[in-house]
């Protein structure tokens, strides 16, 4: 089955029009969601600061969870906890 040339041209035109409209819509979306270099740097600094705080908080929590070693008598010669 062959298509008449008019239908083929109409199909190609419709395909090109749809491709153009989709590309244009993507362009509009991208231009509306762009951020400035200054805003990007500010956001990066804020994320870095938050990351530092999260790491420090995690370290504090880990310290709180650890069991403290038993204290030893300084007279004990077998004490390995404090190294006396």
C-alpha atoms as a PDB file:
ATOM      1  CA  UNK A   1       0.000   0.000   0.000  1.00  0.00           C
ATOM      2  CA  UNK A   2       1.416   3.349  -0.973  1.00  0.00           C
ATOM      3  CA  UNK A   3       0.427   6.670   0.470  1.00  0.00           C
ATOM      4  CA  UNK A   4      -0.460   9.552  -1.781  1.00  0.00           C
ATOM      5  CA  UNK A   5       2.240  12.198  -1.819  1.00  0.00           C
ATOM      6  CA  UNK A   6      -0.113  14.756  -0.256  1.00  0.00           C
ATOM      7  CA  UNK A   7      -0.637  12.563   2.841  1.00  0.00           C
ATOM      8  CA  UNK A   8       3.079  11.907   3.123  1.00  0.00           C
ATOM      9  CA  UNK A   9       3.895  15.619   2.948  1.00  0.00           C
ATOM     10  CA  UNK A  10       1.149  16.413   5.469  1.00  0.00           C
ATOM     11  CA  UNK A  11       2.511  13.750   7.825  1.00  0.00           C
ATOM     12  CA  UNK A  12       6.058  15.097   7.516  1.00  0.00           C
ATOM     13  CA  UNK A  13       4.855  18.655   8.095  1.00  0.00           C
ATOM     14  CA  UNK A  14       2.876  17.577  11.159  1.00  0.00           C
ATOM     15  CA  UNK A  15       5.881  15.713  12.537  1.00  0.00           C
ATOM     16  CA  UNK A  16       8.160  18.723  12.010  1.00  0.00           C
ATOM     17  CA  UNK A  17       5.617  21.060  13.597  1.00  0.00           C
ATOM     18  CA  UNK A  18       5.243  18.793  16.636  1.00  0.00           C
ATOM     19  CA  UNK A  19       9.038  18.549  16.978  1.00  0.00           C
ATOM     20  CA  UNK A  20       9.365  22.324  16.767  1.00  0.00           C
ATOM     21  CA  UNK A  21       6.634  22.935  19.344  1.00  0.00           C
ATOM     22  CA  UNK A  22       8.135  20.406  21.750  1.00  0.00           C
ATOM     23  CA  UNK A  23      11.590  21.926  21.344  1.00  0.00           C
ATOM     24  CA  UNK A  24      10.201  25.415  21.881  1.00  0.00           C
ATOM     25  CA  UNK A  25       8.329  24.298  25.009  1.00  0.00           C
ATOM     26  CA  UNK A  26      11.523  22.730  26.392  1.00  0.00           C
ATOM     27  CA  UNK A  27      13.365  25.977  25.659  1.00  0.00           C
ATOM     28  CA  UNK A  28      10.764  27.980  27.568  1.00  0.00           C
ATOM     29  CA  UNK A  29      10.927  25.617  30.536  1.00  0.00           C
ATOM     30  CA  UNK A  30      14.709  25.795  30.637  1.00  0.00           C
ATOM     31  CA  UNK A  31      14.867  29.579  30.428  1.00  0.00           C
ATOM     32  CA  UNK A  32      12.367  29.991  33.259  1.00  0.00           C
ATOM     33  CA  UNK A  33      14.237  27.616  35.587  1.00  0.00           C
ATOM     34  CA  UNK A  34      17.730  29.003  35.187  1.00  0.00           C
ATOM     35  CA  UNK A  35      19.593  30.270  38.225  1.00  0.00           C
ATOM     36  CA  UNK A  36      22.309  32.858  38.332  1.00  0.00           C
ATOM     37  CA  UNK A  37      25.918  32.077  39.148  1.00  0.00           C
ATOM     38  CA  UNK A  38      25.568  34.075  42.351  1.00  0.00           C
ATOM     39  CA  UNK A  39      22.548  32.058  43.442  1.00  0.00           C
ATOM     40  CA  UNK A  40      24.312  28.787  42.550  1.00  0.00           C
ATOM     41  CA  UNK A  41      27.358  29.759  44.638  1.00  0.00           C
ATOM     42  CA  UNK A  42      25.163  30.814  47.563  1.00  0.00           C
ATOM     43  CA  UNK A  43      23.230  27.522  47.424  1.00  0.00           C
ATOM     44  CA  UNK A  44      26.486  25.544  47.220  1.00  0.00           C
ATOM     45  CA  UNK A  45      27.863  27.315  50.292  1.00  0.00           C
ATOM     46  CA  UNK A  46      24.643  26.669  52.220  1.00  0.00           C
ATOM     47  CA  UNK A  47      24.717  22.962  51.281  1.00  0.00           C
ATOM     48  CA  UNK A  48      28.376  22.722  52.329  1.00  0.00           C
ATOM     49  CA  UNK A  49      27.639  24.354  55.683  1.00  0.00           C
ATOM     50  CA  UNK A  50      24.670  22.035  56.235  1.00  0.00           C
ATOM     51  CA  UNK A  51      26.838  19.046  55.351  1.00  0.00           C
ATOM     52  CA  UNK A  52      29.505  20.133  57.848  1.00  0.00           C
ATOM     53  CA  UNK A  53      26.866  20.545  60.550  1.00  0.00           C
ATOM     54  CA  UNK A  54      25.353  17.137  59.754  1.00  0.00           C
ATOM     55  CA  UNK A  55      28.754  15.460  59.986  1.00  0.00           C
ATOM     56  CA  UNK A  56      29.513  17.184  63.300  1.00  0.00           C
ATOM     57  CA  UNK A  57      26.087  16.262  64.699  1.00  0.00           C
ATOM     58  CA  UNK A  58      26.607  12.663  63.614  1.00  0.00           C
ATOM     59  CA  UNK A  59      29.992  12.612  65.341  1.00  0.00           C
ATOM     60  CA  UNK A  60      28.465  13.951  68.572  1.00  0.00           C
ATOM     61  CA  UNK A  61      25.704  11.341  68.425  1.00  0.00           C
ATOM     62  CA  UNK A  62      28.286   8.591  67.894  1.00  0.00           C
ATOM     63  CA  UNK A  63      30.242   9.848  70.910  1.00  0.00           C
ATOM     64  CA  UNK A  64      27.098   9.805  73.043  1.00  0.00           C
ATOM     65  CA  UNK A  65      26.349   6.215  72.020  1.00  0.00           C
ATOM     66  CA  UNK A  66      29.818   4.885  72.850  1.00  0.00           C
ATOM     67  CA  UNK A  67      30.288   3.210  76.205  1.00  0.00           C
ATOM     68  CA  UNK A  68      32.814   4.846  78.449  1.00  0.00           C
ATOM     69  CA  UNK A  69      35.633   2.603  79.594  1.00  0.00           C
ATOM     70  CA  UNK A  70      35.742   1.602  83.202  1.00  0.00           C
ATOM     71  CA  UNK A  71      38.093   3.683  85.253  1.00  0.00           C
ATOM     72  CA  UNK A  72      41.009   1.879  86.772  1.00  0.00           C
ATOM     73  CA  UNK A  73      43.002   2.256  89.890  1.00  0.00           C
ATOM     74  CA  UNK A  74      46.351   3.921  89.265  1.00  0.00           C
ATOM     75  CA  UNK A  75      47.875   1.306  91.517  1.00  0.00           C
ATOM     76  CA  UNK A  76      46.821  -1.495  89.156  1.00  0.00           C
ATOM     77  CA  UNK A  77      49.837  -2.574  87.078  1.00  0.00           C
ATOM     78  CA  UNK A  78      47.614  -4.582  84.671  1.00  0.00           C
ATOM     79  CA  UNK A  79      45.648  -1.505  83.617  1.00  0.00           C
ATOM     80  CA  UNK A  80      45.580  -1.213  79.812  1.00  0.00           C
ATOM     81  CA  UNK A  81      42.763   1.321  79.523  1.00  0.00           C
ATOM     82  CA  UNK A  82      44.733   4.453  80.364  1.00  0.00           C
ATOM     83  CA  UNK A  83      48.203   3.082  79.777  1.00  0.00           C
ATOM     84  CA  UNK A  84      49.572   3.539  83.299  1.00  0.00           C
END
